[in-house]
Amino acid sequence: MAKAKAIKKAGPRLKITQIRSGIGFDKKHTVVLRGLGLRRIRHTVEVPDTAGIRGMLHKVRHLITVEGQN
């Protein structure tokens, strides 16, 4: 059986860091943070730069910082 290789798509990526907690905000904001892969304050993830991700970032822009934008 051949080993499956992970295919990493080339393209623009965004580095997102959670700087504030979702506690005290709308429940949907916490759900969006989880959807982005953020778990705790100062946790950083890299995500592809797509329209859907941009919409999620806009919704929680007060809770995160974003690097890697053009």
PDB file of N, CA and C in Angstrom:
ATOM      1  N   MET A   1       0.848  -1.172   0.000  1.00  0.00           N
ATOM      2  CA  MET A   1       0.000   0.000   0.000  1.00  0.00           C
ATOM      3  C   MET A   1       0.895   1.236   0.000  1.00  0.00           C
ATOM      4  N   ALA A   2       0.643   2.133  -0.899  1.00  0.00           N
ATOM      5  CA  ALA A   2       1.437   3.347  -1.014  1.00  0.00           C
ATOM      6  C   ALA A   2       1.044   4.338   0.083  1.00  0.00           C
ATOM      7  N   LYS A   3       2.024   5.064   0.549  1.00  0.00           N
ATOM      8  CA  LYS A   3       1.751   6.084   1.555  1.00  0.00           C
ATOM      9  C   LYS A   3       1.082   7.282   0.901  1.00  0.00           C
ATOM     10  N   ALA A   4       0.073   7.769   1.563  1.00  0.00           N
ATOM     11  CA  ALA A   4      -0.624   8.952   1.047  1.00  0.00           C
ATOM     12  C   ALA A   4       0.190  10.185   1.415  1.00  0.00           C
ATOM     13  N   LYS A   5       0.481  11.000   0.426  1.00  0.00           N
ATOM     14  CA  LYS A   5       1.229  12.223   0.669  1.00  0.00           C
ATOM     15  C   LYS A   5       0.254  13.383   0.808  1.00  0.00           C
ATOM     16  N   ALA A   6       0.527  14.205   1.760  1.00  0.00           N
ATOM     17  CA  ALA A   6      -0.316  15.385   1.953  1.00  0.00           C
ATOM     18  C   ALA A   6       0.007  16.393   0.860  1.00  0.00           C
ATOM     19  N   ILE A   7      -1.019  16.820   0.182  1.00  0.00           N
ATOM     20  CA  ILE A   7      -0.843  17.808  -0.868  1.00  0.00           C
ATOM     21  C   ILE A   7      -1.123  19.177  -0.274  1.00  0.00           C
ATOM     22  N   LYS A   8      -0.097  20.002  -0.281  1.00  0.00           N
ATOM     23  CA  LYS A   8      -0.231  21.337   0.270  1.00  0.00           C
ATOM     24  C   LYS A   8      -0.413  22.309  -0.886  1.00  0.00           C
ATOM     25  N   LYS A   9      -1.564  22.940  -0.930  1.00  0.00           N
ATOM     26  CA  LYS A   9      -1.833  23.873  -2.008  1.00  0.00           C
ATOM     27  C   LYS A   9      -1.029  25.144  -1.800  1.00  0.00           C
ATOM     28  N   ALA A  10      -0.385  25.563  -2.853  1.00  0.00           N
ATOM     29  CA  ALA A  10       0.338  26.817  -2.805  1.00  0.00           C
ATOM     30  C   ALA A  10      -0.656  27.949  -2.972  1.00  0.00           C
ATOM     31  N   GLY A  11      -0.377  29.030  -2.373  1.00  0.00           N
ATOM     32  CA  GLY A  11      -1.258  30.175  -2.492  1.00  0.00           C
ATOM     33  C   GLY A  11      -1.133  31.059  -1.266  1.00  0.00           C
ATOM     34  N   PRO A  12      -1.803  32.169  -1.294  1.00  0.00           N
ATOM     35  CA  PRO A  12      -1.703  33.085  -0.161  1.00  0.00           C
ATOM     36  C   PRO A  12      -2.281  32.485   1.115  1.00  0.00           C
ATOM     37  N   ARG A  13      -1.603  32.717   2.211  1.00  0.00           N
ATOM     38  CA  ARG A  13      -2.034  32.221   3.522  1.00  0.00           C
ATOM     39  C   ARG A  13      -2.063  33.394   4.490  1.00  0.00           C
ATOM     40  N   LEU A  14      -2.908  33.297   5.475  1.00  0.00           N
ATOM     41  CA  LEU A  14      -3.021  34.317   6.513  1.00  0.00           C
ATOM     42  C   LEU A  14      -2.659  33.705   7.859  1.00  0.00           C
ATOM     43  N   LYS A  15      -1.920  34.452   8.643  1.00  0.00           N
ATOM     44  CA  LYS A  15      -1.538  34.017   9.987  1.00  0.00           C
ATOM     45  C   LYS A  15      -2.437  34.772  10.965  1.00  0.00           C
ATOM     46  N   ILE A  16      -3.249  34.025  11.715  1.00  0.00           N
ATOM     47  CA  ILE A  16      -4.244  34.624  12.603  1.00  0.00           C
ATOM     48  C   ILE A  16      -3.895  34.293  14.048  1.00  0.00           C
ATOM     49  N   THR A  17      -3.936  35.302  14.912  1.00  0.00           N
ATOM     50  CA  THR A  17      -3.669  35.116  16.332  1.00  0.00           C
ATOM     51  C   THR A  17      -4.848  35.646  17.130  1.00  0.00           C
ATOM     52  N   GLN A  18      -5.331  34.844  18.063  1.00  0.00           N
ATOM     53  CA  GLN A  18      -6.420  35.287  18.939  1.00  0.00           C
ATOM     54  C   GLN A  18      -5.819  36.145  20.038  1.00  0.00           C
ATOM     55  N   ILE A  19      -6.341  37.364  20.215  1.00  0.00           N
ATOM     56  CA  ILE A  19      -5.811  38.272  21.232  1.00  0.00           C
ATOM     57  C   ILE A  19      -6.797  38.528  22.372  1.00  0.00           C
ATOM     58  N   ARG A  20      -8.069  38.225  22.161  1.00  0.00           N
ATOM     59  CA  ARG A  20      -9.079  38.394  23.205  1.00  0.00           C
ATOM     60  C   ARG A  20      -9.963  37.172  23.263  1.00  0.00           C
ATOM     61  N   SER A  21     -10.578  36.971  24.403  1.00  0.00           N
ATOM     62  CA  SER A  21     -11.481  35.845  24.600  1.00  0.00           C
ATOM     63  C   SER A  21     -12.850  36.135  23.994  1.00  0.00           C
ATOM     64  N   GLY A  22     -13.549  35.086  23.621  1.00  0.00           N
ATOM     65  CA  GLY A  22     -14.904  35.214  23.095  1.00  0.00           C
ATOM     66  C   GLY A  22     -15.952  35.313  24.193  1.00  0.00           C
ATOM     67  N   ILE A  23     -15.532  35.171  25.443  1.00  0.00           N
ATOM     68  CA  ILE A  23     -16.463  35.247  26.567  1.00  0.00           C
ATOM     69  C   ILE A  23     -17.037  36.658  26.649  1.00  0.00           C
ATOM     70  N   GLY A  24     -18.338  36.742  26.805  1.00  0.00           N
ATOM     71  CA  GLY A  24     -18.997  38.031  26.920  1.00  0.00           C
ATOM     72  C   GLY A  24     -19.482  38.575  25.589  1.00  0.00           C
ATOM     73  N   PHE A  25     -19.118  37.911  24.507  1.00  0.00           N
ATOM     74  CA  PHE A  25     -19.580  38.310  23.182  1.00  0.00           C
ATOM     75  C   PHE A  25     -20.641  37.320  22.715  1.00  0.00           C
ATOM     76  N   ASP A  26     -21.223  37.614  21.585  1.00  0.00           N
ATOM     77  CA  ASP A  26     -22.251  36.750  21.003  1.00  0.00           C
ATOM     78  C   ASP A  26     -21.702  35.332  20.829  1.00  0.00           C
ATOM     79  N   LYS A  27     -22.537  34.338  21.042  1.00  0.00           N
ATOM     80  CA  LYS A  27     -22.132  32.926  20.917  1.00  0.00           C
ATOM     81  C   LYS A  27     -21.582  32.626  19.527  1.00  0.00           C
ATOM     82  N   LYS A  28     -22.104  33.304  18.517  1.00  0.00           N
ATOM     83  CA  LYS A  28     -21.641  33.087  17.150  1.00  0.00           C
ATOM     84  C   LYS A  28     -20.160  33.441  16.991  1.00  0.00           C
ATOM     85  N   HIS A  29     -19.676  34.409  17.756  1.00  0.00           N
ATOM     86  CA  HIS A  29     -18.273  34.793  17.677  1.00  0.00           C
ATOM     87  C   HIS A  29     -17.373  33.659  18.163  1.00  0.00           C
ATOM     88  N   THR A  30     -17.784  33.002  19.237  1.00  0.00           N
ATOM     89  CA  THR A  30     -17.032  31.858  19.751  1.00  0.00           C
ATOM     90  C   THR A  30     -17.031  30.726  18.736  1.00  0.00           C
ATOM     91  N   VAL A  31     -18.148  30.508  18.066  1.00  0.00           N
ATOM     92  CA  VAL A  31     -18.248  29.463  17.050  1.00  0.00           C
ATOM     93  C   VAL A  31     -17.320  29.773  15.881  1.00  0.00           C
ATOM     94  N   VAL A  32     -17.235  31.024  15.487  1.00  0.00           N
ATOM     95  CA  VAL A  32     -16.350  31.419  14.388  1.00  0.00           C
ATOM     96  C   VAL A  32     -14.890  31.215  14.779  1.00  0.00           C
ATOM     97  N   LEU A  33     -14.533  31.564  16.016  1.00  0.00           N
ATOM     98  CA  LEU A  33     -13.154  31.342  16.477  1.00  0.00           C
ATOM     99  C   LEU A  33     -12.797  29.860  16.395  1.00  0.00           C
ATOM    100  N   ARG A  34     -13.707  28.993  16.815  1.00  0.00           N
ATOM    101  CA  ARG A  34     -13.475  27.542  16.739  1.00  0.00           C
ATOM    102  C   ARG A  34     -13.366  27.088  15.287  1.00  0.00           C
ATOM    103  N   GLY A  35     -14.183  27.673  14.433  1.00  0.00           N
ATOM    104  CA  GLY A  35     -14.156  27.333  13.018  1.00  0.00           C
ATOM    105  C   GLY A  35     -12.840  27.709  12.357  1.00  0.00           C
ATOM    106  N   LEU A  36     -12.215  28.761  12.854  1.00  0.00           N
ATOM    107  CA  LEU A  36     -10.909  29.175  12.342  1.00  0.00           C
ATOM    108  C   LEU A  36      -9.784  28.315  12.916  1.00  0.00           C
ATOM    109  N   GLY A  37     -10.091  27.543  13.944  1.00  0.00           N
ATOM    110  CA  GLY A  37      -9.076  26.680  14.558  1.00  0.00           C
ATOM    111  C   GLY A  37      -8.407  27.293  15.765  1.00  0.00           C
ATOM    112  N   LEU A  38      -8.934  28.406  16.247  1.00  0.00           N
ATOM    113  CA  LEU A  38      -8.346  29.081  17.416  1.00  0.00           C
ATOM    114  C   LEU A  38      -8.948  28.506  18.691  1.00  0.00           C
ATOM    115  N   ARG A  39      -8.094  28.223  19.653  1.00  0.00           N
ATOM    116  CA  ARG A  39      -8.538  27.569  20.885  1.00  0.00           C
ATOM    117  C   ARG A  39      -8.377  28.421  22.131  1.00  0.00           C
ATOM    118  N   ARG A  40      -7.401  29.305  22.143  1.00  0.00           N
ATOM    119  CA  ARG A  40      -7.120  30.081  23.358  1.00  0.00           C
ATOM    120  C   ARG A  40      -6.426  31.383  22.971  1.00  0.00           C
ATOM    121  N   ILE A  41      -6.282  32.275  23.917  1.00  0.00           N
ATOM    122  CA  ILE A  41      -5.607  33.542  23.681  1.00  0.00           C
ATOM    123  C   ILE A  41      -4.131  33.262  23.355  1.00  0.00           C
ATOM    124  N   ARG A  42      -3.593  34.015  22.391  1.00  0.00           N
ATOM    125  CA  ARG A  42      -2.228  33.902  21.856  1.00  0.00           C
ATOM    126  C   ARG A  42      -2.000  32.628  21.048  1.00  0.00           C
ATOM    127  N   HIS A  43      -3.060  31.928  20.680  1.00  0.00           N
ATOM    128  CA  HIS A  43      -2.954  30.765  19.793  1.00  0.00           C
ATOM    129  C   HIS A  43      -2.937  31.283  18.362  1.00  0.00           C
ATOM    130  N   THR A  44      -2.001  30.762  17.548  1.00  0.00           N
ATOM    131  CA  THR A  44      -1.842  31.215  16.169  1.00  0.00           C
ATOM    132  C   THR A  44      -2.068  30.056  15.214  1.00  0.00           C
ATOM    133  N   VAL A  45      -2.782  30.327  14.121  1.00  0.00           N
ATOM    134  CA  VAL A  45      -3.017  29.334  13.076  1.00  0.00           C
ATOM    135  C   VAL A  45      -2.788  29.994  11.718  1.00  0.00           C
ATOM    136  N   GLU A  46      -2.497  29.163  10.722  1.00  0.00           N
ATOM    137  CA  GLU A  46      -2.393  29.631   9.347  1.00  0.00           C
ATOM    138  C   GLU A  46      -3.558  29.064   8.559  1.00  0.00           C
ATOM    139  N   VAL A  47      -4.228  29.929   7.826  1.00  0.00           N
ATOM    140  CA  VAL A  47      -5.386  29.520   7.037  1.00  0.00           C
ATOM    141  C   VAL A  47      -5.237  30.063   5.623  1.00  0.00           C
ATOM    142  N   PRO A  48      -5.884  29.420   4.653  1.00  0.00           N
ATOM    143  CA  PRO A  48      -5.829  29.950   3.281  1.00  0.00           C
ATOM    144  C   PRO A  48      -6.602  31.258   3.172  1.00  0.00           C
ATOM    145  N   ASP A  49      -6.162  32.101   2.272  1.00  0.00           N
ATOM    146  CA  ASP A  49      -6.807  33.396   2.062  1.00  0.00           C
ATOM    147  C   ASP A  49      -7.934  33.228   1.043  1.00  0.00           C
ATOM    148  N   THR A  50      -9.132  32.938   1.544  1.00  0.00           N
ATOM    149  CA  THR A  50     -10.299  32.773   0.679  1.00  0.00           C
ATOM    150  C   THR A  50     -11.394  33.745   1.115  1.00  0.00           C
ATOM    151  N   ALA A  51     -12.401  33.880   0.289  1.00  0.00           N
ATOM    152  CA  ALA A  51     -13.499  34.799   0.592  1.00  0.00           C
ATOM    153  C   ALA A  51     -14.254  34.370   1.857  1.00  0.00           C
ATOM    154  N   GLY A  52     -14.440  33.079   2.036  1.00  0.00           N
ATOM    155  CA  GLY A  52     -15.140  32.579   3.224  1.00  0.00           C
ATOM    156  C   GLY A  52     -14.381  32.869   4.502  1.00  0.00           C
ATOM    157  N   ILE A  53     -13.085  32.662   4.462  1.00  0.00           N
ATOM    158  CA  ILE A  53     -12.237  32.945   5.628  1.00  0.00           C
ATOM    159  C   ILE A  53     -12.244  34.439   5.917  1.00  0.00           C
ATOM    160  N   ARG A  54     -12.182  35.260   4.869  1.00  0.00           N
ATOM    161  CA  ARG A  54     -12.202  36.713   5.054  1.00  0.00           C
ATOM    162  C   ARG A  54     -13.487  37.159   5.749  1.00  0.00           C
ATOM    163  N   GLY A  55     -14.612  36.539   5.412  1.00  0.00           N
ATOM    164  CA  GLY A  55     -15.870  36.862   6.069  1.00  0.00           C
ATOM    165  C   GLY A  55     -15.847  36.501   7.543  1.00  0.00           C
ATOM    166  N   MET A  56     -15.251  35.354   7.857  1.00  0.00           N
ATOM    167  CA  MET A  56     -15.137  34.936   9.253  1.00  0.00           C
ATOM    168  C   MET A  56     -14.239  35.904  10.025  1.00  0.00           C
ATOM    169  N   LEU A  57     -13.135  36.325   9.406  1.00  0.00           N
ATOM    170  CA  LEU A  57     -12.218  37.260  10.054  1.00  0.00           C
ATOM    171  C   LEU A  57     -12.903  38.594  10.321  1.00  0.00           C
ATOM    172  N   HIS A  58     -13.722  39.017   9.391  1.00  0.00           N
ATOM    173  CA  HIS A  58     -14.428  40.288   9.565  1.00  0.00           C
ATOM    174  C   HIS A  58     -15.384  40.230  10.755  1.00  0.00           C
ATOM    175  N   LYS A  59     -16.006  39.086  10.965  1.00  0.00           N
ATOM    176  CA  LYS A  59     -16.974  38.937  12.052  1.00  0.00           C
ATOM    177  C   LYS A  59     -16.305  39.030  13.423  1.00  0.00           C
ATOM    178  N   VAL A  60     -15.068  38.526  13.553  1.00  0.00           N
ATOM    179  CA  VAL A  60     -14.388  38.519  14.857  1.00  0.00           C
ATOM    180  C   VAL A  60     -13.138  39.402  14.842  1.00  0.00           C
ATOM    181  N   ARG A  61     -13.140  40.450  14.047  1.00  0.00           N
ATOM    182  CA  ARG A  61     -11.958  41.303  13.891  1.00  0.00           C
ATOM    183  C   ARG A  61     -11.521  41.969  15.190  1.00  0.00           C
ATOM    184  N   HIS A  62     -12.414  42.099  16.157  1.00  0.00           N
ATOM    185  CA  HIS A  62     -12.092  42.701  17.447  1.00  0.00           C
ATOM    186  C   HIS A  62     -11.428  41.703  18.400  1.00  0.00           C
ATOM    187  N   LEU A  63     -11.381  40.426  18.026  1.00  0.00           N
ATOM    188  CA  LEU A  63     -10.806  39.386  18.888  1.00  0.00           C
ATOM    189  C   LEU A  63      -9.481  38.825  18.362  1.00  0.00           C
ATOM    190  N   ILE A  64      -9.071  39.229  17.162  1.00  0.00           N
ATOM    191  CA  ILE A  64      -7.912  38.615  16.521  1.00  0.00           C
ATOM    192  C   ILE A  64      -6.983  39.672  15.918  1.00  0.00           C
ATOM    193  N   THR A  65      -5.766  39.223  15.556  1.00  0.00           N
ATOM    194  CA  THR A  65      -4.881  40.004  14.696  1.00  0.00           C
ATOM    195  C   THR A  65      -4.563  39.128  13.488  1.00  0.00           C
ATOM    196  N   VAL A  66      -4.351  39.770  12.339  1.00  0.00           N
ATOM    197  CA  VAL A  66      -4.111  39.050  11.101  1.00  0.00           C
ATOM    198  C   VAL A  66      -2.821  39.558  10.474  1.00  0.00           C
ATOM    199  N   GLU A  67      -1.958  38.628  10.044  1.00  0.00           N
ATOM    200  CA  GLU A  67      -0.731  38.967   9.345  1.00  0.00           C
ATOM    201  C   GLU A  67      -0.736  38.280   7.988  1.00  0.00           C
ATOM    202  N   GLY A  68      -0.002  38.847   7.045  1.00  0.00           N
ATOM    203  CA  GLY A  68       0.143  38.216   5.755  1.00  0.00           C
ATOM    204  C   GLY A  68      -0.801  38.727   4.708  1.00  0.00           C
ATOM    205  N   GLN A  69      -1.457  39.837   4.956  1.00  0.00           N
ATOM    206  CA  GLN A  69      -2.343  40.408   3.962  1.00  0.00           C
ATOM    207  C   GLN A  69      -1.516  41.210   2.971  1.00  0.00           C
ATOM    208  N   ASN A  70      -1.996  41.270   1.743  1.00  0.00           N
ATOM    209  CA  ASN A  70      -1.310  42.061   0.717  1.00  0.00           C
ATOM    210  C   ASN A  70      -1.786  43.480   0.754  1.00  0.00           C
TER     211      ASN A  70
END
